[in-house]
């Protein structure tokens, strides 16, 4: 397998039958929870002059505390790291991260989440082709999101923020979480497709030497995804489904 940006097939930008497994980010790829996360971040950082550009540049795809730290650094805010056990609030980076998690879970509970229809169509096609699938998400809420979307039984392997902590895996843009998922699926990176909507995730897929990195642009991130190494970018995964 090669990682060349002109890889195409009659059914779309990637020929799925050339690969043995697909690693999906969750938020913004399978479910529209990226928008829920964004609203939670916007509420959290309302007093810091937060904009969507901040989300894309400093937060998108990163583990929660890393996102808090990167955003605060952009505002020259040097508050202490604190501990993951810190009460939700503003006393530390961890406290802010925990506050963001509270905001996200409240939005998830009150609004719910419905998977992208195009993503479900692709999952069905991959099942028919016998291609293994896993979720690789920086979020520690991946299992609750999958449950809310009715997809708890769809993925046998989930490498999320909880697993990353337990296994001491570096978060995206490091490739560690993707490599762990490939190991669980017993496949080599060269025969695996990574599907991401975040630049940091795309960078992780490229760094891991995966056979194809597919970007999903849900609005305004296409050039950044390509700049970080995506082989192709689509607006919706239904565009990759064959006849």
Foldseek 3Di string as FASTA:
>chain_A
DAQALCQPDPLGRHDLLQFAAEEEAPDPAFWVLVVLLVVLVCVLCVVVPDDVVLCQPQNPQWAQLSSLVRSCVVVVNDAAQDDCPDDQDDNHSNNSSVSSVVSSVVCCVVPFIETDPLSVVVLVVCVVSNHAYEYEGQDPCVCVNCVSHVNNPPHPYYQYNVNCVVVVNHGFPALRSVVVVCVVVVHQQLRYEYEEQGLRVLLNSVNRVHNAYEHAHCDDCQVSNVVSRHSYYDPHNNSNDGD
